[in-house]
Amino acid sequence: SYVTAWYFYLLLSAVIFILYISADREYERRVLQ
């Protein structure tokens, strides 16, 4: 079945969001410095 894959990808979608936000915050911090 593909069901396990769909649940795993649901978790990864949250990780993706965190990575994008973290990259943007790191960039803004460098610019501010």
PDB file of all heavy atoms in Angstrom:
ATOM      1  N   SER A   1       0.847  -1.196   0.000  1.00  0.00           N
ATOM      2  CA  SER A   1       0.000   0.000   0.000  1.00  0.00           C
ATOM      3  C   SER A   1       0.884   1.247   0.000  1.00  0.00           C
ATOM      4  O   SER A   1       2.042   1.210   0.418  1.00  0.00           O
ATOM      5  CB  SER A   1      -0.907   0.000   1.226  1.00  0.00           C
ATOM      6  OG  SER A   1      -1.583   1.233   1.377  1.00  0.00           O
ATOM      7  N   TYR A   2       0.287   2.356  -0.463  1.00  0.00           N
ATOM      8  CA  TYR A   2       0.992   3.639  -0.460  1.00  0.00           C
ATOM      9  C   TYR A   2       0.695   4.474   0.791  1.00  0.00           C
ATOM     10  O   TYR A   2       1.280   5.551   0.960  1.00  0.00           O
ATOM     11  CB  TYR A   2       0.584   4.466  -1.690  1.00  0.00           C
ATOM     12  CG  TYR A   2       1.119   3.963  -3.005  1.00  0.00           C
ATOM     13  CD1 TYR A   2       0.283   3.333  -3.918  1.00  0.00           C
ATOM     14  CD2 TYR A   2       2.451   4.136  -3.352  1.00  0.00           C
ATOM     15  CE1 TYR A   2       0.754   2.887  -5.137  1.00  0.00           C
ATOM     16  CE2 TYR A   2       2.936   3.686  -4.570  1.00  0.00           C
ATOM     17  CZ  TYR A   2       2.088   3.058  -5.459  1.00  0.00           C
ATOM     18  OH  TYR A   2       2.561   2.616  -6.669  1.00  0.00           O
ATOM     19  N   VAL A   3      -0.186   4.002   1.661  1.00  0.00           N
ATOM     20  CA  VAL A   3      -0.671   4.817   2.780  1.00  0.00           C
ATOM     21  C   VAL A   3       0.464   5.271   3.688  1.00  0.00           C
ATOM     22  O   VAL A   3       0.514   6.433   4.123  1.00  0.00           O
ATOM     23  CB  VAL A   3      -1.743   4.049   3.587  1.00  0.00           C
ATOM     24  CG1 VAL A   3      -2.104   4.813   4.867  1.00  0.00           C
ATOM     25  CG2 VAL A   3      -2.989   3.844   2.736  1.00  0.00           C
ATOM     26  N   THR A   4       1.396   4.364   4.009  1.00  0.00           N
ATOM     27  CA  THR A   4       2.532   4.728   4.867  1.00  0.00           C
ATOM     28  C   THR A   4       3.337   5.868   4.250  1.00  0.00           C
ATOM     29  O   THR A   4       3.797   6.772   4.954  1.00  0.00           O
ATOM     30  CB  THR A   4       3.440   3.513   5.102  1.00  0.00           C
ATOM     31  OG1 THR A   4       2.679   2.454   5.694  1.00  0.00           O
ATOM     32  CG2 THR A   4       4.584   3.880   6.036  1.00  0.00           C
ATOM     33  N   ALA A   5       3.500   5.828   2.952  1.00  0.00           N
ATOM     34  CA  ALA A   5       4.232   6.897   2.252  1.00  0.00           C
ATOM     35  C   ALA A   5       3.526   8.235   2.413  1.00  0.00           C
ATOM     36  O   ALA A   5       4.166   9.260   2.644  1.00  0.00           O
ATOM     37  CB  ALA A   5       4.377   6.550   0.772  1.00  0.00           C
ATOM     38  N   TRP A   6       2.203   8.251   2.310  1.00  0.00           N
ATOM     39  CA  TRP A   6       1.451   9.517   2.420  1.00  0.00           C
ATOM     40  C   TRP A   6       1.607  10.110   3.818  1.00  0.00           C
ATOM     41  O   TRP A   6       1.764  11.325   3.958  1.00  0.00           O
ATOM     42  CB  TRP A   6      -0.021   9.313   2.095  1.00  0.00           C
ATOM     43  CG  TRP A   6      -0.350   8.673   0.782  1.00  0.00           C
ATOM     44  CD1 TRP A   6      -1.478   7.975   0.475  1.00  0.00           C
ATOM     45  CD2 TRP A   6       0.405   8.664  -0.447  1.00  0.00           C
ATOM     46  NE1 TRP A   6      -1.481   7.522  -0.816  1.00  0.00           N
ATOM     47  CE2 TRP A   6      -0.321   7.944  -1.414  1.00  0.00           C
ATOM     48  CE3 TRP A   6       1.648   9.186  -0.809  1.00  0.00           C
ATOM     49  CZ2 TRP A   6       0.132   7.733  -2.711  1.00  0.00           C
ATOM     50  CZ3 TRP A   6       2.095   8.957  -2.117  1.00  0.00           C
ATOM     51  CH2 TRP A   6       1.352   8.257  -3.043  1.00  0.00           C
ATOM     52  N   TYR A   7       1.572   9.278   4.856  1.00  0.00           N
ATOM     53  CA  TYR A   7       1.761   9.783   6.222  1.00  0.00           C
ATOM     54  C   TYR A   7       3.186  10.327   6.411  1.00  0.00           C
ATOM     55  O   TYR A   7       3.390  11.362   7.063  1.00  0.00           O
ATOM     56  CB  TYR A   7       1.497   8.681   7.248  1.00  0.00           C
ATOM     57  CG  TYR A   7       0.018   8.476   7.559  1.00  0.00           C
ATOM     58  CD1 TYR A   7      -0.634   7.309   7.195  1.00  0.00           C
ATOM     59  CD2 TYR A   7      -0.705   9.462   8.227  1.00  0.00           C
ATOM     60  CE1 TYR A   7      -1.974   7.120   7.473  1.00  0.00           C
ATOM     61  CE2 TYR A   7      -2.051   9.286   8.514  1.00  0.00           C
ATOM     62  CZ  TYR A   7      -2.679   8.121   8.134  1.00  0.00           C
ATOM     63  OH  TYR A   7      -4.007   7.936   8.416  1.00  0.00           O
ATOM     64  N   PHE A   8       4.148   9.647   5.849  1.00  0.00           N
ATOM     65  CA  PHE A   8       5.534  10.099   5.947  1.00  0.00           C
ATOM     66  C   PHE A   8       5.725  11.440   5.247  1.00  0.00           C
ATOM     67  O   PHE A   8       6.395  12.342   5.765  1.00  0.00           O
ATOM     68  CB  PHE A   8       6.452   9.036   5.352  1.00  0.00           C
ATOM     69  CG  PHE A   8       7.917   9.392   5.407  1.00  0.00           C
ATOM     70  CD1 PHE A   8       8.553   9.662   6.613  1.00  0.00           C
ATOM     71  CD2 PHE A   8       8.664   9.458   4.246  1.00  0.00           C
ATOM     72  CE1 PHE A   8       9.898   9.987   6.661  1.00  0.00           C
ATOM     73  CE2 PHE A   8      10.009   9.783   4.280  1.00  0.00           C
ATOM     74  CZ  PHE A   8      10.629  10.043   5.486  1.00  0.00           C
ATOM     75  N   TYR A   9       5.130  11.601   4.087  1.00  0.00           N
ATOM     76  CA  TYR A   9       5.236  12.864   3.359  1.00  0.00           C
ATOM     77  C   TYR A   9       4.530  14.004   4.085  1.00  0.00           C
ATOM     78  O   TYR A   9       4.925  15.171   3.984  1.00  0.00           O
ATOM     79  CB  TYR A   9       4.667  12.710   1.951  1.00  0.00           C
ATOM     80  CG  TYR A   9       5.448  11.759   1.069  1.00  0.00           C
ATOM     81  CD1 TYR A   9       4.827  11.081   0.024  1.00  0.00           C
ATOM     82  CD2 TYR A   9       6.801  11.538   1.274  1.00  0.00           C
ATOM     83  CE1 TYR A   9       5.527  10.209  -0.791  1.00  0.00           C
ATOM     84  CE2 TYR A   9       7.516  10.654   0.472  1.00  0.00           C
ATOM     85  CZ  TYR A   9       6.875   9.988  -0.551  1.00  0.00           C
ATOM     86  OH  TYR A   9       7.576   9.124  -1.350  1.00  0.00           O
ATOM     87  N   LEU A  10       3.483  13.667   4.818  1.00  0.00           N
ATOM     88  CA  LEU A  10       2.792  14.679   5.617  1.00  0.00           C
ATOM     89  C   LEU A  10       3.731  15.253   6.679  1.00  0.00           C
ATOM     90  O   LEU A  10       3.752  16.470   6.921  1.00  0.00           O
ATOM     91  CB  LEU A  10       1.549  14.061   6.272  1.00  0.00           C
ATOM     92  CG  LEU A  10       0.549  15.017   6.932  1.00  0.00           C
ATOM     93  CD1 LEU A  10      -0.028  15.991   5.916  1.00  0.00           C
ATOM     94  CD2 LEU A  10      -0.574  14.229   7.607  1.00  0.00           C
ATOM     95  N   LEU A  11       4.521  14.387   7.293  1.00  0.00           N
ATOM     96  CA  LEU A  11       5.522  14.827   8.261  1.00  0.00           C
ATOM     97  C   LEU A  11       6.596  15.683   7.599  1.00  0.00           C
ATOM     98  O   LEU A  11       7.005  16.720   8.127  1.00  0.00           O
ATOM     99  CB  LEU A  11       6.154  13.607   8.941  1.00  0.00           C
ATOM    100  CG  LEU A  11       7.323  13.870   9.902  1.00  0.00           C
ATOM    101  CD1 LEU A  11       6.843  14.692  11.107  1.00  0.00           C
ATOM    102  CD2 LEU A  11       7.926  12.549  10.387  1.00  0.00           C
ATOM    103  N   LEU A  12       7.032  15.269   6.415  1.00  0.00           N
ATOM    104  CA  LEU A  12       8.079  16.007   5.712  1.00  0.00           C
ATOM    105  C   LEU A  12       7.629  17.404   5.303  1.00  0.00           C
ATOM    106  O   LEU A  12       8.450  18.319   5.226  1.00  0.00           O
ATOM    107  CB  LEU A  12       8.530  15.227   4.477  1.00  0.00           C
ATOM    108  CG  LEU A  12       9.365  13.964   4.705  1.00  0.00           C
ATOM    109  CD1 LEU A  12       9.813  13.367   3.373  1.00  0.00           C
ATOM    110  CD2 LEU A  12      10.575  14.242   5.596  1.00  0.00           C
ATOM    111  N   SER A  13       6.337  17.592   5.020  1.00  0.00           N
ATOM    112  CA  SER A  13       5.850  18.913   4.640  1.00  0.00           C
ATOM    113  C   SER A  13       6.077  19.931   5.753  1.00  0.00           C
ATOM    114  O   SER A  13       6.376  21.102   5.491  1.00  0.00           O
ATOM    115  CB  SER A  13       4.364  18.849   4.263  1.00  0.00           C
ATOM    116  OG  SER A  13       3.566  18.491   5.368  1.00  0.00           O
ATOM    117  N   ALA A  14       5.958  19.496   7.021  1.00  0.00           N
ATOM    118  CA  ALA A  14       6.241  20.381   8.151  1.00  0.00           C
ATOM    119  C   ALA A  14       7.735  20.697   8.233  1.00  0.00           C
ATOM    120  O   ALA A  14       8.132  21.836   8.533  1.00  0.00           O
ATOM    121  CB  ALA A  14       5.763  19.737   9.449  1.00  0.00           C
ATOM    122  N   VAL A  15       8.567  19.700   7.962  1.00  0.00           N
ATOM    123  CA  VAL A  15      10.015  19.901   7.978  1.00  0.00           C
ATOM    124  C   VAL A  15      10.435  20.901   6.893  1.00  0.00           C
ATOM    125  O   VAL A  15      11.290  21.762   7.118  1.00  0.00           O
ATOM    126  CB  VAL A  15      10.754  18.562   7.787  1.00  0.00           C
ATOM    127  CG1 VAL A  15      12.266  18.792   7.708  1.00  0.00           C
ATOM    128  CG2 VAL A  15      10.422  17.598   8.919  1.00  0.00           C
ATOM    129  N   ILE A  16       9.834  20.803   5.721  1.00  0.00           N
ATOM    130  CA  ILE A  16      10.131  21.721   4.620  1.00  0.00           C
ATOM    131  C   ILE A  16       9.836  23.164   5.021  1.00  0.00           C
ATOM    132  O   ILE A  16      10.628  24.075   4.766  1.00  0.00           O
ATOM    133  CB  ILE A  16       9.326  21.333   3.363  1.00  0.00           C
ATOM    134  CG1 ILE A  16       9.780  19.974   2.843  1.00  0.00           C
ATOM    135  CG2 ILE A  16       9.485  22.393   2.269  1.00  0.00           C
ATOM    136  CD1 ILE A  16       8.826  19.369   1.829  1.00  0.00           C
ATOM    137  N   PHE A  17       8.700  23.373   5.650  1.00  0.00           N
ATOM    138  CA  PHE A  17       8.320  24.716   6.104  1.00  0.00           C
ATOM    139  C   PHE A  17       9.364  25.279   7.061  1.00  0.00           C
ATOM    140  O   PHE A  17       9.778  26.433   6.943  1.00  0.00           O
ATOM    141  CB  PHE A  17       6.942  24.659   6.774  1.00  0.00           C
ATOM    142  CG  PHE A  17       6.512  25.968   7.373  1.00  0.00           C
ATOM    143  CD1 PHE A  17       6.039  26.994   6.568  1.00  0.00           C
ATOM    144  CD2 PHE A  17       6.588  26.168   8.749  1.00  0.00           C
ATOM    145  CE1 PHE A  17       5.645  28.205   7.125  1.00  0.00           C
ATOM    146  CE2 PHE A  17       6.190  27.379   9.295  1.00  0.00           C
ATOM    147  CZ  PHE A  17       5.716  28.389   8.487  1.00  0.00           C
ATOM    148  N   ILE A  18       9.795  24.467   8.020  1.00  0.00           N
ATOM    149  CA  ILE A  18      10.789  24.904   9.004  1.00  0.00           C
ATOM    150  C   ILE A  18      12.101  25.280   8.319  1.00  0.00           C
ATOM    151  O   ILE A  18      12.739  26.279   8.663  1.00  0.00           O
ATOM    152  CB  ILE A  18      11.015  23.811  10.064  1.00  0.00           C
ATOM    153  CG1 ILE A  18       9.743  23.609  10.902  1.00  0.00           C
ATOM    154  CG2 ILE A  18      12.188  24.159  10.972  1.00  0.00           C
ATOM    155  CD1 ILE A  18       9.795  22.400  11.816  1.00  0.00           C
ATOM    156  N   LEU A  19      12.515  24.502   7.329  1.00  0.00           N
ATOM    157  CA  LEU A  19      13.767  24.775   6.630  1.00  0.00           C
ATOM    158  C   LEU A  19      13.709  26.093   5.854  1.00  0.00           C
ATOM    159  O   LEU A  19      14.653  26.884   5.886  1.00  0.00           O
ATOM    160  CB  LEU A  19      14.086  23.627   5.673  1.00  0.00           C
ATOM    161  CG  LEU A  19      14.512  22.303   6.319  1.00  0.00           C
ATOM    162  CD1 LEU A  19      14.568  21.186   5.281  1.00  0.00           C
ATOM    163  CD2 LEU A  19      15.864  22.453   7.013  1.00  0.00           C
ATOM    164  N   TYR A  20      12.601  26.351   5.152  1.00  0.00           N
ATOM    165  CA  TYR A  20      12.454  27.606   4.409  1.00  0.00           C
ATOM    166  C   TYR A  20      12.502  28.813   5.354  1.00  0.00           C
ATOM    167  O   TYR A  20      13.192  29.802   5.083  1.00  0.00           O
ATOM    168  CB  TYR A  20      11.139  27.618   3.639  1.00  0.00           C
ATOM    169  CG  TYR A  20      11.174  26.865   2.328  1.00  0.00           C
ATOM    170  CD1 TYR A  20      10.096  26.089   1.922  1.00  0.00           C
ATOM    171  CD2 TYR A  20      12.273  26.939   1.490  1.00  0.00           C
ATOM    172  CE1 TYR A  20      10.123  25.400   0.725  1.00  0.00           C
ATOM    173  CE2 TYR A  20      12.306  26.247   0.291  1.00  0.00           C
ATOM    174  CZ  TYR A  20      11.229  25.474  -0.085  1.00  0.00           C
ATOM    175  OH  TYR A  20      11.242  24.795  -1.269  1.00  0.00           O
ATOM    176  N   ILE A  21      11.766  28.739   6.438  1.00  0.00           N
ATOM    177  CA  ILE A  21      11.726  29.844   7.398  1.00  0.00           C
ATOM    178  C   ILE A  21      13.087  30.055   8.043  1.00  0.00           C
ATOM    179  O   ILE A  21      13.537  31.196   8.237  1.00  0.00           O
ATOM    180  CB  ILE A  21      10.647  29.598   8.468  1.00  0.00           C
ATOM    181  CG1 ILE A  21       9.257  29.545   7.832  1.00  0.00           C
ATOM    182  CG2 ILE A  21      10.692  30.684   9.533  1.00  0.00           C
ATOM    183  CD1 ILE A  21       8.863  30.794   7.105  1.00  0.00           C
ATOM    184  N   SER A  22      13.777  28.980   8.371  1.00  0.00           N
ATOM    185  CA  SER A  22      15.096  29.077   8.993  1.00  0.00           C
ATOM    186  C   SER A  22      16.103  29.729   8.050  1.00  0.00           C
ATOM    187  O   SER A  22      16.919  30.560   8.470  1.00  0.00           O
ATOM    188  CB  SER A  22      15.593  27.685   9.402  1.00  0.00           C
ATOM    189  OG  SER A  22      14.737  27.092  10.360  1.00  0.00           O
ATOM    190  N   ALA A  23      16.042  29.369   6.765  1.00  0.00           N
ATOM    191  CA  ALA A  23      16.943  29.970   5.780  1.00  0.00           C
ATOM    192  C   ALA A  23      16.699  31.466   5.651  1.00  0.00           C
ATOM    193  O   ALA A  23      17.638  32.265   5.582  1.00  0.00           O
ATOM    194  CB  ALA A  23      16.769  29.284   4.424  1.00  0.00           C
ATOM    195  N   ASP A  24      15.432  31.874   5.624  1.00  0.00           N
ATOM    196  CA  ASP A  24      15.101  33.291   5.494  1.00  0.00           C
ATOM    197  C   ASP A  24      15.524  34.079   6.730  1.00  0.00           C
ATOM    198  O   ASP A  24      16.031  35.199   6.619  1.00  0.00           O
ATOM    199  CB  ASP A  24      13.598  33.443   5.257  1.00  0.00           C
ATOM    200  CG  ASP A  24      13.231  34.855   4.816  1.00  0.00           C
ATOM    201  OD1 ASP A  24      13.812  35.329   3.817  1.00  0.00           O
ATOM    202  OD2 ASP A  24      12.359  35.469   5.456  1.00  0.00           O
ATOM    203  N   ARG A  25      15.325  33.510   7.902  1.00  0.00           N
ATOM    204  CA  ARG A  25      15.743  34.190   9.135  1.00  0.00           C
ATOM    205  C   ARG A  25      17.249  34.340   9.199  1.00  0.00           C
ATOM    206  O   ARG A  25      17.762  35.381   9.639  1.00  0.00           O
ATOM    207  CB  ARG A  25      15.237  33.410  10.351  1.00  0.00           C
ATOM    208  CG  ARG A  25      13.731  33.563  10.593  1.00  0.00           C
ATOM    209  CD  ARG A  25      13.294  32.799  11.817  1.00  0.00           C
ATOM    210  NE  ARG A  25      11.879  33.015  12.106  1.00  0.00           N
ATOM    211  CZ  ARG A  25      11.208  32.403  13.079  1.00  0.00           C
ATOM    212  NH1 ARG A  25      11.849  31.538  13.877  1.00  0.00           N
ATOM    213  NH2 ARG A  25       9.924  32.655  13.269  1.00  0.00           N
ATOM    214  N   GLU A  26      17.983  33.313   8.771  1.00  0.00           N
ATOM    215  CA  GLU A  26      19.440  33.386   8.773  1.00  0.00           C
ATOM    216  C   GLU A  26      19.915  34.467   7.813  1.00  0.00           C
ATOM    217  O   GLU A  26      20.848  35.216   8.106  1.00  0.00           O
ATOM    218  CB  GLU A  26      20.013  32.032   8.385  1.00  0.00           C
ATOM    219  CG  GLU A  26      21.494  31.836   8.713  1.00  0.00           C
ATOM    220  CD  GLU A  26      22.428  32.289   7.621  1.00  0.00           C
ATOM    221  OE1 GLU A  26      21.950  32.515   6.498  1.00  0.00           O
ATOM    222  OE2 GLU A  26      23.628  32.433   7.861  1.00  0.00           O
ATOM    223  N   TYR A  27      19.255  34.576   6.661  1.00  0.00           N
ATOM    224  CA  TYR A  27      19.604  35.607   5.688  1.00  0.00           C
ATOM    225  C   TYR A  27      19.338  37.003   6.248  1.00  0.00           C
ATOM    226  O   TYR A  27      20.185  37.898   6.139  1.00  0.00           O
ATOM    227  CB  TYR A  27      18.800  35.396   4.410  1.00  0.00           C
ATOM    228  CG  TYR A  27      18.931  36.527   3.408  1.00  0.00           C
ATOM    229  CD1 TYR A  27      20.086  36.697   2.664  1.00  0.00           C
ATOM    230  CD2 TYR A  27      17.879  37.425   3.212  1.00  0.00           C
ATOM    231  CE1 TYR A  27      20.203  37.725   1.750  1.00  0.00           C
ATOM    232  CE2 TYR A  27      17.993  38.456   2.301  1.00  0.00           C
ATOM    233  CZ  TYR A  27      19.151  38.604   1.574  1.00  0.00           C
ATOM    234  OH  TYR A  27      19.258  39.640   0.669  1.00  0.00           O
ATOM    235  N   GLU A  28      18.178  37.214   6.845  1.00  0.00           N
ATOM    236  CA  GLU A  28      17.836  38.524   7.405  1.00  0.00           C
ATOM    237  C   GLU A  28      18.785  38.896   8.541  1.00  0.00           C
ATOM    238  O   GLU A  28      19.139  40.068   8.701  1.00  0.00           O
ATOM    239  CB  GLU A  28      16.391  38.508   7.902  1.00  0.00           C
ATOM    240  CG  GLU A  28      15.370  38.451   6.762  1.00  0.00           C
ATOM    241  CD  GLU A  28      13.942  38.447   7.262  1.00  0.00           C
ATOM    242  OE1 GLU A  28      13.738  38.183   8.482  1.00  0.00           O
ATOM    243  OE2 GLU A  28      13.018  38.689   6.462  1.00  0.00           O
ATOM    244  N   ARG A  29      19.212  37.917   9.324  1.00  0.00           N
ATOM    245  CA  ARG A  29      20.151  38.181  10.408  1.00  0.00           C
ATOM    246  C   ARG A  29      21.490  38.654   9.856  1.00  0.00           C
ATOM    247  O   ARG A  29      22.100  39.600  10.378  1.00  0.00           O
ATOM    248  CB  ARG A  29      20.339  36.909  11.242  1.00  0.00           C
ATOM    249  CG  ARG A  29      21.291  37.082  12.432  1.00  0.00           C
ATOM    250  CD  ARG A  29      21.344  35.818  13.260  1.00  0.00           C
ATOM    251  NE  ARG A  29      21.831  34.683  12.496  1.00  0.00           N
ATOM    252  CZ  ARG A  29      23.127  34.449  12.246  1.00  0.00           C
ATOM    253  NH1 ARG A  29      24.059  35.276  12.728  1.00  0.00           N
ATOM    254  NH2 ARG A  29      23.476  33.401  11.531  1.00  0.00           N
ATOM    255  N   ARG A  30      21.964  38.021   8.774  1.00  0.00           N
ATOM    256  CA  ARG A  30      23.221  38.424   8.159  1.00  0.00           C
ATOM    257  C   ARG A  30      23.133  39.833   7.570  1.00  0.00           C
ATOM    258  O   ARG A  30      24.069  40.639   7.694  1.00  0.00           O
ATOM    259  CB  ARG A  30      23.605  37.430   7.067  1.00  0.00           C
ATOM    260  CG  ARG A  30      24.012  36.047   7.580  1.00  0.00           C
ATOM    261  CD  ARG A  30      25.332  36.119   8.323  1.00  0.00           C
ATOM    262  NE  ARG A  30      25.773  34.814   8.757  1.00  0.00           N
ATOM    263  CZ  ARG A  30      26.584  34.021   8.056  1.00  0.00           C
ATOM    264  NH1 ARG A  30      27.043  34.443   6.894  1.00  0.00           N
ATOM    265  NH2 ARG A  30      26.934  32.824   8.517  1.00  0.00           N
ATOM    266  N   VAL A  31      21.999  40.131   6.926  1.00  0.00           N
ATOM    267  CA  VAL A  31      21.795  41.457   6.353  1.00  0.00           C
ATOM    268  C   VAL A  31      21.790  42.517   7.442  1.00  0.00           C
ATOM    269  O   VAL A  31      22.389  43.589   7.308  1.00  0.00           O
ATOM    270  CB  VAL A  31      20.474  41.504   5.547  1.00  0.00           C
ATOM    271  CG1 VAL A  31      20.158  42.935   5.129  1.00  0.00           C
ATOM    272  CG2 VAL A  31      20.576  40.619   4.319  1.00  0.00           C
ATOM    273  N   LEU A  32      21.120  42.233   8.568  1.00  0.00           N
ATOM    274  CA  LEU A  32      21.056  43.167   9.685  1.00  0.00           C
ATOM    275  C   LEU A  32      22.433  43.407  10.279  1.00  0.00           C
ATOM    276  O   LEU A  32      22.788  44.542  10.624  1.00  0.00           O
ATOM    277  CB  LEU A  32      20.102  42.638  10.758  1.00  0.00           C
ATOM    278  CG  LEU A  32      19.854  43.548  11.969  1.00  0.00           C
ATOM    279  CD1 LEU A  32      19.230  44.867  11.528  1.00  0.00           C
ATOM    280  CD2 LEU A  32      18.964  42.845  12.992  1.00  0.00           C
ATOM    281  N   GLN A  33      23.224  42.359  10.376  1.00  0.00           N
ATOM    282  CA  GLN A  33      24.579  42.500  10.901  1.00  0.00           C
ATOM    283  C   GLN A  33      25.432  43.405  10.014  1.00  0.00           C
ATOM    284  O   GLN A  33      26.193  44.243  10.494  1.00  0.00           O
ATOM    285  CB  GLN A  33      25.233  41.125  11.035  1.00  0.00           C
ATOM    286  CG  GLN A  33      24.704  40.281  12.193  1.00  0.00           C
ATOM    287  CD  GLN A  33      25.345  38.907  12.234  1.00  0.00           C
ATOM    288  OE1 GLN A  33      26.009  38.479  11.289  1.00  0.00           O
ATOM    289  NE2 GLN A  33      25.149  38.208  13.349  1.00  0.00           N
TER     290      GLN A  33
END
